[in-house]
Amino acid sequence: MEDIFLSVLTWRSGAYEIGVLGSCVLFGVLTAQCYVYFTRFPDDSAKIKALVGFVWLCETADAICITAALYSYTVMWYGDPESLLRTPSTLATSIFFHGVISCSVQGFFAFRIYIVSKKLYIPCVCWMLGFLRFLGDTGLFATGLRTTLLNSYYAQQGWLITATWSLSVANDVLIAVTLASLLYRQRSIAHTR
């Protein structure tokens, strides 16, 4: 039975390592996109530049947190299979940054919906969903700092993890469908301009 337990823990750490490495590659892509944005669009408003810089800083902090958690699992706790059940505080901190990033980006796109449609009801729903996601991630962050074992964390907060992911997916779909339909309806006007 202990061999099965250890193999499941090893598989979990391998999947986490692949995820972190993929995330770091995507962070490099994001950094290149930010560089291109700041060099090619110097005349954009200071508010948009500040938002891009803020999101990049939060992504940097998130990359540091998940990499530090990986370091804890693979270097600091090397040779201790039970340590794979622990939750480093940097893992909980990354959840907070995910909430901040998600709320910022979805809030920006909700504002773009308002600019294009000149109506407030869909942007208000998007802002509310983004804020609820942020509150959920803040709760997960606070609980993650106090919880030391992953199994008890999932047992206590599994419903909140599912709820925050569901809120984020619903908000992303609402934003994408709304922007696509608004842009589709305005395609003839855009060509004449």
N, C-alpha and C. Protein backbone atom coordinates (compact mmCIF):
# COMPACT_ATOMS: atom_id res chain seq x y z
N MET A 1 0.82 -1.19 0.00
CA MET A 1 0.00 0.00 0.00
C MET A 1 0.87 1.26 0.00
N GLU A 2 1.96 1.21 0.73
CA GLU A 2 2.84 2.37 0.80
C GLU A 2 3.48 2.65 -0.56
N ASP A 3 3.76 1.61 -1.36
CA ASP A 3 4.33 1.82 -2.69
C ASP A 3 3.36 2.57 -3.59
N ILE A 4 2.08 2.24 -3.50
CA ILE A 4 1.07 2.95 -4.30
C ILE A 4 1.01 4.41 -3.87
N PHE A 5 1.03 4.64 -2.57
CA PHE A 5 1.00 5.99 -2.03
C PHE A 5 2.17 6.82 -2.55
N LEU A 6 3.37 6.23 -2.51
CA LEU A 6 4.56 6.95 -2.97
C LEU A 6 4.53 7.19 -4.47
N SER A 7 4.01 6.25 -5.25
CA SER A 7 3.95 6.45 -6.70
C SER A 7 2.96 7.55 -7.06
N VAL A 8 1.84 7.64 -6.33
CA VAL A 8 0.88 8.72 -6.58
C VAL A 8 1.51 10.07 -6.25
N LEU A 9 2.24 10.16 -5.14
CA LEU A 9 2.90 11.41 -4.78
C LEU A 9 3.96 11.80 -5.80
N THR A 10 4.71 10.83 -6.29
CA THR A 10 5.73 11.11 -7.29
C THR A 10 5.10 11.61 -8.57
N TRP A 11 3.97 10.99 -8.98
CA TRP A 11 3.28 11.43 -10.19
C TRP A 11 2.79 12.86 -10.02
N ARG A 12 2.27 13.18 -8.83
CA ARG A 12 1.76 14.53 -8.58
C ARG A 12 2.88 15.55 -8.70
N SER A 13 4.06 15.24 -8.17
CA SER A 13 5.16 16.20 -8.23
C SER A 13 5.68 16.34 -9.67
N GLY A 14 5.66 15.26 -10.44
CA GLY A 14 6.07 15.34 -11.84
C GLY A 14 5.13 16.22 -12.65
N ALA A 15 3.84 16.06 -12.44
CA ALA A 15 2.86 16.90 -13.14
C ALA A 15 3.02 18.36 -12.75
N TYR A 16 3.28 18.61 -11.47
CA TYR A 16 3.49 19.99 -11.02
C TYR A 16 4.73 20.59 -11.66
N GLU A 17 5.79 19.80 -11.76
CA GLU A 17 7.02 20.30 -12.36
C GLU A 17 6.81 20.65 -13.83
N ILE A 18 6.11 19.82 -14.56
CA ILE A 18 5.82 20.11 -15.97
C ILE A 18 4.97 21.37 -16.08
N GLY A 19 3.98 21.51 -15.20
CA GLY A 19 3.14 22.70 -15.22
C GLY A 19 3.91 23.97 -14.93
N VAL A 20 4.82 23.92 -13.97
CA VAL A 20 5.62 25.10 -13.63
C VAL A 20 6.55 25.47 -14.79
N LEU A 21 7.17 24.47 -15.39
CA LEU A 21 8.07 24.75 -16.51
C LEU A 21 7.30 25.36 -17.69
N GLY A 22 6.13 24.82 -17.98
CA GLY A 22 5.29 25.40 -19.04
C GLY A 22 4.87 26.82 -18.71
N SER A 23 4.53 27.05 -17.46
CA SER A 23 4.14 28.40 -17.03
C SER A 23 5.30 29.38 -17.17
N CYS A 24 6.50 28.93 -16.86
CA CYS A 24 7.68 29.82 -17.00
C CYS A 24 7.95 30.14 -18.47
N VAL A 25 7.73 29.18 -19.36
CA VAL A 25 7.87 29.46 -20.80
C VAL A 25 6.84 30.51 -21.23
N LEU A 26 5.60 30.34 -20.78
CA LEU A 26 4.56 31.32 -21.12
C LEU A 26 4.84 32.68 -20.49
N PHE A 27 5.46 32.70 -19.33
CA PHE A 27 5.86 33.97 -18.73
C PHE A 27 6.90 34.67 -19.61
N GLY A 28 7.81 33.90 -20.20
CA GLY A 28 8.77 34.48 -21.13
C GLY A 28 8.09 35.09 -22.34
N VAL A 29 7.06 34.41 -22.85
CA VAL A 29 6.29 34.94 -23.97
C VAL A 29 5.59 36.24 -23.56
N LEU A 30 5.00 36.25 -22.37
CA LEU A 30 4.34 37.46 -21.87
C LEU A 30 5.34 38.61 -21.74
N THR A 31 6.53 38.33 -21.26
CA THR A 31 7.55 39.37 -21.12
C THR A 31 7.93 39.95 -22.49
N ALA A 32 8.06 39.07 -23.48
CA ALA A 32 8.36 39.55 -24.84
C ALA A 32 7.20 40.40 -25.37
N GLN A 33 5.97 39.99 -25.10
CA GLN A 33 4.81 40.77 -25.56
C GLN A 33 4.77 42.14 -24.88
N CYS A 34 5.09 42.19 -23.61
CA CYS A 34 5.13 43.48 -22.91
C CYS A 34 6.20 44.39 -23.49
N TYR A 35 7.36 43.82 -23.78
CA TYR A 35 8.43 44.60 -24.38
C TYR A 35 7.99 45.17 -25.73
N VAL A 36 7.38 44.34 -26.56
CA VAL A 36 6.90 44.79 -27.86
C VAL A 36 5.83 45.87 -27.68
N TYR A 37 4.93 45.67 -26.72
CA TYR A 37 3.88 46.66 -26.49
C TYR A 37 4.47 48.02 -26.12
N PHE A 38 5.38 48.03 -25.16
CA PHE A 38 5.93 49.31 -24.70
C PHE A 38 6.81 49.99 -25.76
N THR A 39 7.44 49.22 -26.65
CA THR A 39 8.27 49.84 -27.69
C THR A 39 7.46 50.29 -28.90
N ARG A 40 6.38 49.59 -29.22
CA ARG A 40 5.61 49.92 -30.43
C ARG A 40 4.43 50.85 -30.19
N PHE A 41 3.98 50.96 -28.97
CA PHE A 41 2.81 51.80 -28.69
C PHE A 41 3.13 52.81 -27.59
N PRO A 42 4.08 53.69 -27.84
CA PRO A 42 4.46 54.65 -26.79
C PRO A 42 3.39 55.72 -26.55
N ASP A 43 2.45 55.89 -27.48
CA ASP A 43 1.45 56.93 -27.33
C ASP A 43 0.18 56.47 -26.63
N ASP A 44 0.11 55.20 -26.21
CA ASP A 44 -1.06 54.73 -25.47
C ASP A 44 -1.17 55.48 -24.15
N SER A 45 -2.39 55.47 -23.60
CA SER A 45 -2.60 56.23 -22.36
C SER A 45 -1.80 55.63 -21.21
N ALA A 46 -1.52 56.49 -20.26
CA ALA A 46 -0.73 56.06 -19.09
C ALA A 46 -1.48 55.02 -18.28
N LYS A 47 -2.82 55.06 -18.29
CA LYS A 47 -3.61 54.08 -17.53
C LYS A 47 -3.45 52.68 -18.11
N ILE A 48 -3.47 52.57 -19.42
CA ILE A 48 -3.31 51.25 -20.04
C ILE A 48 -1.89 50.74 -19.84
N LYS A 49 -0.92 51.63 -19.97
CA LYS A 49 0.47 51.22 -19.72
C LYS A 49 0.64 50.76 -18.27
N ALA A 50 0.01 51.47 -17.34
CA ALA A 50 0.10 51.08 -15.93
C ALA A 50 -0.54 49.72 -15.70
N LEU A 51 -1.68 49.47 -16.36
CA LEU A 51 -2.33 48.17 -16.22
C LEU A 51 -1.45 47.05 -16.76
N VAL A 52 -0.84 47.27 -17.92
CA VAL A 52 0.04 46.26 -18.51
C VAL A 52 1.23 46.01 -17.58
N GLY A 53 1.82 47.08 -17.06
CA GLY A 53 2.94 46.92 -16.14
C GLY A 53 2.53 46.22 -14.85
N PHE A 54 1.35 46.55 -14.33
CA PHE A 54 0.85 45.93 -13.11
C PHE A 54 0.62 44.43 -13.32
N VAL A 55 -0.01 44.07 -14.42
CA VAL A 55 -0.25 42.65 -14.70
C VAL A 55 1.08 41.92 -14.86
N TRP A 56 2.05 42.55 -15.53
CA TRP A 56 3.36 41.90 -15.69
C TRP A 56 4.03 41.70 -14.33
N LEU A 57 3.95 42.69 -13.45
CA LEU A 57 4.53 42.55 -12.12
C LEU A 57 3.86 41.43 -11.32
N CYS A 58 2.54 41.35 -11.42
CA CYS A 58 1.81 40.27 -10.73
C CYS A 58 2.18 38.91 -11.32
N GLU A 59 2.33 38.83 -12.64
CA GLU A 59 2.76 37.57 -13.27
C GLU A 59 4.17 37.20 -12.84
N THR A 60 5.03 38.21 -12.68
CA THR A 60 6.39 37.95 -12.20
C THR A 60 6.36 37.38 -10.79
N ALA A 61 5.57 37.99 -9.93
CA ALA A 61 5.44 37.50 -8.56
C ALA A 61 4.86 36.08 -8.54
N ASP A 62 3.88 35.82 -9.41
CA ASP A 62 3.30 34.48 -9.49
C ASP A 62 4.34 33.46 -9.94
N ALA A 63 5.13 33.81 -10.95
CA ALA A 63 6.18 32.90 -11.44
C ALA A 63 7.20 32.62 -10.34
N ILE A 64 7.54 33.64 -9.56
CA ILE A 64 8.48 33.44 -8.45
C ILE A 64 7.87 32.50 -7.41
N CYS A 65 6.59 32.70 -7.10
CA CYS A 65 5.93 31.87 -6.08
C CYS A 65 5.85 30.41 -6.49
N ILE A 66 5.42 30.14 -7.73
CA ILE A 66 5.28 28.73 -8.13
C ILE A 66 6.63 28.07 -8.31
N THR A 67 7.63 28.85 -8.71
CA THR A 67 8.99 28.29 -8.83
C THR A 67 9.57 28.01 -7.43
N ALA A 68 9.30 28.88 -6.48
CA ALA A 68 9.76 28.65 -5.11
C ALA A 68 9.07 27.41 -4.51
N ALA A 69 7.79 27.23 -4.82
CA ALA A 69 7.10 26.02 -4.35
C ALA A 69 7.71 24.77 -4.98
N LEU A 70 8.04 24.85 -6.26
CA LEU A 70 8.70 23.71 -6.91
C LEU A 70 10.05 23.44 -6.27
N TYR A 71 10.79 24.47 -5.95
CA TYR A 71 12.08 24.32 -5.28
C TYR A 71 11.90 23.63 -3.92
N SER A 72 10.85 24.02 -3.20
CA SER A 72 10.58 23.38 -1.91
C SER A 72 10.31 21.89 -2.09
N TYR A 73 9.47 21.55 -3.07
CA TYR A 73 9.13 20.14 -3.28
C TYR A 73 10.32 19.31 -3.75
N THR A 74 11.11 19.85 -4.65
CA THR A 74 12.14 19.02 -5.31
C THR A 74 13.54 19.15 -4.71
N VAL A 75 13.83 20.23 -3.99
CA VAL A 75 15.18 20.42 -3.45
C VAL A 75 15.17 20.40 -1.93
N MET A 76 14.40 21.31 -1.33
CA MET A 76 14.42 21.41 0.13
C MET A 76 13.89 20.14 0.81
N TRP A 77 12.86 19.56 0.24
CA TRP A 77 12.24 18.38 0.85
C TRP A 77 12.61 17.10 0.10
N TYR A 78 13.73 17.11 -0.59
CA TYR A 78 14.16 15.94 -1.35
C TYR A 78 14.35 14.73 -0.44
N GLY A 79 13.87 13.59 -0.89
CA GLY A 79 14.03 12.35 -0.14
C GLY A 79 13.00 12.14 0.95
N ASP A 80 12.06 13.05 1.07
CA ASP A 80 11.00 12.91 2.07
C ASP A 80 9.66 12.85 1.34
N PRO A 81 9.18 11.66 1.00
CA PRO A 81 7.95 11.54 0.21
C PRO A 81 6.73 12.17 0.88
N GLU A 82 6.69 12.14 2.21
CA GLU A 82 5.54 12.73 2.90
C GLU A 82 5.50 14.25 2.72
N SER A 83 6.64 14.85 2.38
CA SER A 83 6.67 16.30 2.20
C SER A 83 5.84 16.74 1.00
N LEU A 84 5.58 15.81 0.09
CA LEU A 84 4.76 16.16 -1.07
C LEU A 84 3.32 16.46 -0.68
N LEU A 85 2.96 16.09 0.54
CA LEU A 85 1.61 16.40 1.04
C LEU A 85 1.54 17.78 1.67
N ARG A 86 2.67 18.42 1.90
CA ARG A 86 2.69 19.75 2.52
C ARG A 86 2.34 20.82 1.50
N THR A 87 1.94 21.97 1.99
CA THR A 87 1.68 23.12 1.12
C THR A 87 2.62 24.25 1.51
N PRO A 88 3.57 24.58 0.63
CA PRO A 88 4.41 25.74 0.92
C PRO A 88 3.59 27.03 0.84
N SER A 89 3.95 27.99 1.64
CA SER A 89 3.18 29.25 1.66
C SER A 89 3.24 29.96 0.30
N THR A 90 4.30 29.73 -0.46
CA THR A 90 4.40 30.38 -1.77
C THR A 90 3.33 29.85 -2.73
N LEU A 91 2.90 28.61 -2.54
CA LEU A 91 1.84 28.05 -3.37
C LEU A 91 0.52 28.77 -3.09
N ALA A 92 0.24 29.03 -1.82
CA ALA A 92 -0.96 29.77 -1.46
C ALA A 92 -0.88 31.22 -1.95
N THR A 93 0.30 31.80 -1.90
CA THR A 93 0.47 33.18 -2.36
C THR A 93 0.23 33.30 -3.85
N SER A 94 0.60 32.28 -4.61
CA SER A 94 0.36 32.33 -6.05
C SER A 94 -1.13 32.36 -6.36
N ILE A 95 -1.95 31.74 -5.51
CA ILE A 95 -3.40 31.78 -5.71
C ILE A 95 -3.90 33.22 -5.60
N PHE A 96 -3.36 33.97 -4.66
CA PHE A 96 -3.75 35.38 -4.52
C PHE A 96 -3.41 36.16 -5.78
N PHE A 97 -2.19 35.96 -6.31
CA PHE A 97 -1.81 36.67 -7.53
C PHE A 97 -2.68 36.28 -8.72
N HIS A 98 -3.10 35.02 -8.78
CA HIS A 98 -4.00 34.60 -9.85
C HIS A 98 -5.30 35.40 -9.78
N GLY A 99 -5.82 35.58 -8.57
CA GLY A 99 -7.05 36.35 -8.41
C GLY A 99 -6.89 37.80 -8.82
N VAL A 100 -5.76 38.41 -8.46
CA VAL A 100 -5.51 39.81 -8.83
C VAL A 100 -5.40 39.94 -10.35
N ILE A 101 -4.66 39.05 -10.97
CA ILE A 101 -4.47 39.10 -12.42
C ILE A 101 -5.79 38.90 -13.14
N SER A 102 -6.54 37.89 -12.72
CA SER A 102 -7.81 37.59 -13.36
C SER A 102 -8.78 38.76 -13.24
N CYS A 103 -8.88 39.33 -12.04
CA CYS A 103 -9.79 40.46 -11.81
C CYS A 103 -9.37 41.66 -12.66
N SER A 104 -8.09 41.93 -12.76
CA SER A 104 -7.61 43.07 -13.54
C SER A 104 -7.90 42.90 -15.03
N VAL A 105 -7.56 41.76 -15.57
CA VAL A 105 -7.72 41.53 -17.01
C VAL A 105 -9.20 41.46 -17.39
N GLN A 106 -9.99 40.72 -16.61
CA GLN A 106 -11.41 40.63 -16.93
C GLN A 106 -12.10 41.97 -16.73
N GLY A 107 -11.66 42.75 -15.75
CA GLY A 107 -12.21 44.09 -15.57
C GLY A 107 -11.91 45.00 -16.75
N PHE A 108 -10.70 44.88 -17.30
CA PHE A 108 -10.33 45.68 -18.47
C PHE A 108 -11.21 45.31 -19.66
N PHE A 109 -11.40 44.02 -19.91
CA PHE A 109 -12.23 43.62 -21.04
C PHE A 109 -13.70 43.98 -20.82
N ALA A 110 -14.16 43.96 -19.58
CA ALA A 110 -15.52 44.41 -19.29
C ALA A 110 -15.66 45.90 -19.61
N PHE A 111 -14.63 46.66 -19.31
CA PHE A 111 -14.65 48.09 -19.65
C PHE A 111 -14.67 48.27 -21.17
N ARG A 112 -13.94 47.44 -21.90
CA ARG A 112 -13.96 47.52 -23.37
C ARG A 112 -15.36 47.22 -23.90
N ILE A 113 -16.06 46.28 -23.26
CA ILE A 113 -17.45 45.99 -23.66
C ILE A 113 -18.30 47.24 -23.46
N TYR A 114 -18.10 47.93 -22.35
CA TYR A 114 -18.86 49.15 -22.11
C TYR A 114 -18.53 50.21 -23.16
N ILE A 115 -17.27 50.36 -23.52
CA ILE A 115 -16.87 51.35 -24.51
C ILE A 115 -17.52 51.06 -25.86
N VAL A 116 -17.56 49.79 -26.24
CA VAL A 116 -18.12 49.43 -27.55
C VAL A 116 -19.64 49.48 -27.54
N SER A 117 -20.28 49.00 -26.46
CA SER A 117 -21.74 48.88 -26.46
C SER A 117 -22.46 50.09 -25.87
N LYS A 118 -21.78 50.86 -25.04
CA LYS A 118 -22.37 52.00 -24.32
C LYS A 118 -23.51 51.57 -23.39
N LYS A 119 -23.49 50.29 -22.97
CA LYS A 119 -24.48 49.78 -22.03
C LYS A 119 -23.74 49.19 -20.84
N LEU A 120 -24.34 49.29 -19.67
CA LEU A 120 -23.65 48.90 -18.45
C LEU A 120 -24.00 47.51 -17.92
N TYR A 121 -25.10 46.90 -18.37
CA TYR A 121 -25.54 45.68 -17.69
C TYR A 121 -24.57 44.51 -17.84
N ILE A 122 -24.04 44.25 -19.02
CA ILE A 122 -23.09 43.14 -19.18
C ILE A 122 -21.76 43.46 -18.51
N PRO A 123 -21.20 44.67 -18.67
CA PRO A 123 -19.96 44.96 -17.92
C PRO A 123 -20.14 44.84 -16.41
N CYS A 124 -21.29 45.23 -15.88
CA CYS A 124 -21.51 45.11 -14.43
C CYS A 124 -21.53 43.65 -13.99
N VAL A 125 -22.13 42.79 -14.80
CA VAL A 125 -22.11 41.36 -14.49
C VAL A 125 -20.68 40.83 -14.53
N CYS A 126 -19.91 41.26 -15.53
CA CYS A 126 -18.51 40.83 -15.63
C CYS A 126 -17.69 41.32 -14.45
N TRP A 127 -17.89 42.57 -14.05
CA TRP A 127 -17.16 43.10 -12.90
C TRP A 127 -17.54 42.35 -11.62
N MET A 128 -18.83 42.04 -11.48
CA MET A 128 -19.27 41.31 -10.29
C MET A 128 -18.67 39.90 -10.26
N LEU A 129 -18.68 39.21 -11.39
CA LEU A 129 -18.08 37.86 -11.45
C LEU A 129 -16.58 37.92 -11.15
N GLY A 130 -15.89 38.91 -11.71
CA GLY A 130 -14.46 39.06 -11.45
C GLY A 130 -14.18 39.36 -9.98
N PHE A 131 -15.01 40.20 -9.37
CA PHE A 131 -14.83 40.53 -7.96
C PHE A 131 -15.09 39.31 -7.08
N LEU A 132 -16.13 38.52 -7.41
CA LEU A 132 -16.40 37.30 -6.66
C LEU A 132 -15.25 36.32 -6.78
N ARG A 133 -14.67 36.22 -7.98
CA ARG A 133 -13.50 35.35 -8.17
C ARG A 133 -12.35 35.83 -7.29
N PHE A 134 -12.14 37.14 -7.26
CA PHE A 134 -11.07 37.70 -6.42
C PHE A 134 -11.31 37.40 -4.94
N LEU A 135 -12.55 37.54 -4.48
CA LEU A 135 -12.87 37.23 -3.09
C LEU A 135 -12.61 35.75 -2.79
N GLY A 136 -13.00 34.88 -3.73
CA GLY A 136 -12.76 33.45 -3.55
C GLY A 136 -11.28 33.13 -3.48
N ASP A 137 -10.50 33.73 -4.38
CA ASP A 137 -9.05 33.49 -4.36
C ASP A 137 -8.40 34.05 -3.10
N THR A 138 -8.91 35.16 -2.60
CA THR A 138 -8.39 35.71 -1.36
C THR A 138 -8.69 34.77 -0.19
N GLY A 139 -9.88 34.19 -0.19
CA GLY A 139 -10.22 33.19 0.84
C GLY A 139 -9.34 31.96 0.74
N LEU A 140 -9.08 31.50 -0.48
CA LEU A 140 -8.20 30.34 -0.68
C LEU A 140 -6.78 30.66 -0.22
N PHE A 141 -6.33 31.87 -0.49
CA PHE A 141 -5.00 32.32 -0.05
C PHE A 141 -4.90 32.30 1.47
N ALA A 142 -5.89 32.89 2.13
CA ALA A 142 -5.87 32.96 3.60
C ALA A 142 -5.92 31.56 4.21
N THR A 143 -6.75 30.70 3.66
CA THR A 143 -6.83 29.33 4.17
C THR A 143 -5.55 28.56 3.88
N GLY A 144 -4.97 28.79 2.70
CA GLY A 144 -3.74 28.09 2.33
C GLY A 144 -2.57 28.45 3.21
N LEU A 145 -2.53 29.67 3.73
CA LEU A 145 -1.45 30.06 4.64
C LEU A 145 -1.55 29.35 5.98
N ARG A 146 -2.78 28.99 6.40
CA ARG A 146 -2.99 28.34 7.68
C ARG A 146 -2.96 26.82 7.60
N THR A 147 -3.17 26.27 6.39
CA THR A 147 -3.23 24.82 6.23
C THR A 147 -1.85 24.30 5.85
N THR A 148 -1.46 23.20 6.47
CA THR A 148 -0.14 22.66 6.18
C THR A 148 -0.17 21.43 5.27
N LEU A 149 -1.31 20.77 5.15
CA LEU A 149 -1.39 19.55 4.34
C LEU A 149 -2.34 19.75 3.16
N LEU A 150 -1.90 19.32 1.98
CA LEU A 150 -2.71 19.47 0.78
C LEU A 150 -4.05 18.74 0.89
N ASN A 151 -4.04 17.53 1.44
CA ASN A 151 -5.28 16.75 1.52
C ASN A 151 -6.34 17.47 2.35
N SER A 152 -5.96 18.02 3.49
CA SER A 152 -6.94 18.74 4.31
C SER A 152 -7.36 20.04 3.63
N TYR A 153 -6.45 20.66 2.90
CA TYR A 153 -6.79 21.89 2.16
C TYR A 153 -7.86 21.60 1.11
N TYR A 154 -7.66 20.53 0.33
CA TYR A 154 -8.64 20.16 -0.69
C TYR A 154 -9.96 19.72 -0.06
N ALA A 155 -9.88 19.03 1.07
CA ALA A 155 -11.11 18.59 1.73
C ALA A 155 -11.93 19.78 2.23
N GLN A 156 -11.24 20.79 2.75
CA GLN A 156 -11.95 21.97 3.27
C GLN A 156 -12.37 22.93 2.17
N GLN A 157 -11.51 23.13 1.18
CA GLN A 157 -11.71 24.22 0.22
C GLN A 157 -11.99 23.75 -1.20
N GLY A 158 -12.23 22.46 -1.41
CA GLY A 158 -12.48 21.97 -2.76
C GLY A 158 -13.66 22.66 -3.42
N TRP A 159 -14.71 22.92 -2.65
CA TRP A 159 -15.88 23.58 -3.22
C TRP A 159 -15.55 25.01 -3.66
N LEU A 160 -14.68 25.70 -2.90
CA LEU A 160 -14.33 27.07 -3.24
C LEU A 160 -13.40 27.12 -4.46
N ILE A 161 -12.52 26.13 -4.57
CA ILE A 161 -11.66 26.04 -5.75
C ILE A 161 -12.52 25.87 -7.00
N THR A 162 -13.48 24.95 -6.92
CA THR A 162 -14.39 24.72 -8.06
C THR A 162 -15.21 25.96 -8.36
N ALA A 163 -15.67 26.64 -7.32
CA ALA A 163 -16.48 27.85 -7.52
C ALA A 163 -15.68 28.97 -8.19
N THR A 164 -14.44 29.18 -7.76
CA THR A 164 -13.65 30.26 -8.37
C THR A 164 -13.30 29.94 -9.81
N TRP A 165 -12.98 28.70 -10.10
CA TRP A 165 -12.70 28.33 -11.49
C TRP A 165 -13.96 28.49 -12.34
N SER A 166 -15.11 28.09 -11.80
CA SER A 166 -16.36 28.21 -12.55
C SER A 166 -16.71 29.67 -12.81
N LEU A 167 -16.52 30.52 -11.81
CA LEU A 167 -16.76 31.95 -11.99
C LEU A 167 -15.86 32.51 -13.08
N SER A 168 -14.60 32.11 -13.07
CA SER A 168 -13.66 32.62 -14.06
C SER A 168 -14.03 32.15 -15.47
N VAL A 169 -14.40 30.89 -15.59
CA VAL A 169 -14.79 30.36 -16.91
C VAL A 169 -16.05 31.06 -17.40
N ALA A 170 -17.03 31.23 -16.52
CA ALA A 170 -18.28 31.90 -16.92
C ALA A 170 -18.00 33.33 -17.36
N ASN A 171 -17.13 34.02 -16.64
CA ASN A 171 -16.79 35.40 -17.00
C ASN A 171 -16.04 35.45 -18.32
N ASP A 172 -15.09 34.56 -18.52
CA ASP A 172 -14.35 34.53 -19.78
C ASP A 172 -15.27 34.26 -20.97
N VAL A 173 -16.19 33.32 -20.81
CA VAL A 173 -17.13 33.00 -21.90
C VAL A 173 -18.05 34.19 -22.16
N LEU A 174 -18.55 34.81 -21.10
CA LEU A 174 -19.42 35.98 -21.26
C LEU A 174 -18.69 37.11 -21.98
N ILE A 175 -17.46 37.38 -21.60
CA ILE A 175 -16.68 38.43 -22.24
C ILE A 175 -16.42 38.10 -23.71
N ALA A 176 -16.00 36.88 -23.98
CA ALA A 176 -15.67 36.49 -25.36
C ALA A 176 -16.90 36.54 -26.26
N VAL A 177 -18.01 35.99 -25.80
CA VAL A 177 -19.23 35.98 -26.63
C VAL A 177 -19.73 37.40 -26.84
N THR A 178 -19.72 38.21 -25.80
CA THR A 178 -20.21 39.59 -25.93
C THR A 178 -19.33 40.40 -26.87
N LEU A 179 -18.02 40.34 -26.71
CA LEU A 179 -17.14 41.09 -27.60
C LEU A 179 -17.25 40.61 -29.04
N ALA A 180 -17.32 39.29 -29.24
CA ALA A 180 -17.44 38.77 -30.60
C ALA A 180 -18.73 39.23 -31.25
N SER A 181 -19.85 39.18 -30.51
CA SER A 181 -21.12 39.60 -31.10
C SER A 181 -21.15 41.11 -31.34
N LEU A 182 -20.57 41.90 -30.43
CA LEU A 182 -20.53 43.35 -30.64
C LEU A 182 -19.67 43.71 -31.85
N LEU A 183 -18.53 43.09 -31.96
CA LEU A 183 -17.65 43.38 -33.10
C LEU A 183 -18.26 42.87 -34.41
N TYR A 184 -18.96 41.76 -34.36
CA TYR A 184 -19.62 41.24 -35.56
C TYR A 184 -20.71 42.20 -36.03
N ARG A 185 -21.49 42.74 -35.08
CA ARG A 185 -22.55 43.68 -35.45
C ARG A 185 -22.00 45.00 -36.00
N GLN A 186 -20.81 45.37 -35.59
CA GLN A 186 -20.25 46.65 -36.00
C GLN A 186 -19.26 46.53 -37.14
N ARG A 187 -19.19 45.38 -37.79
CA ARG A 187 -18.18 45.19 -38.84
C ARG A 187 -18.41 46.11 -40.03
N SER A 188 -19.65 46.38 -40.40
CA SER A 188 -19.90 47.27 -41.55
C SER A 188 -19.54 48.71 -41.21
N ILE A 189 -19.80 49.13 -39.98
CA ILE A 189 -19.44 50.48 -39.55
C ILE A 189 -17.93 50.64 -39.52
N ALA A 190 -17.24 49.64 -39.08
CA ALA A 190 -15.77 49.71 -38.98
C ALA A 190 -15.13 49.85 -40.37
N HIS A 191 -15.71 49.17 -41.37
CA HIS A 191 -15.15 49.26 -42.71
C HIS A 191 -15.32 50.66 -43.28
N THR A 192 -16.43 51.32 -42.99
CA THR A 192 -16.65 52.67 -43.53
C THR A 192 -15.75 53.68 -42.82
N ARG A 193 -15.43 53.45 -41.55
CA ARG A 193 -14.54 54.37 -40.84
C ARG A 193 -13.12 54.20 -41.33
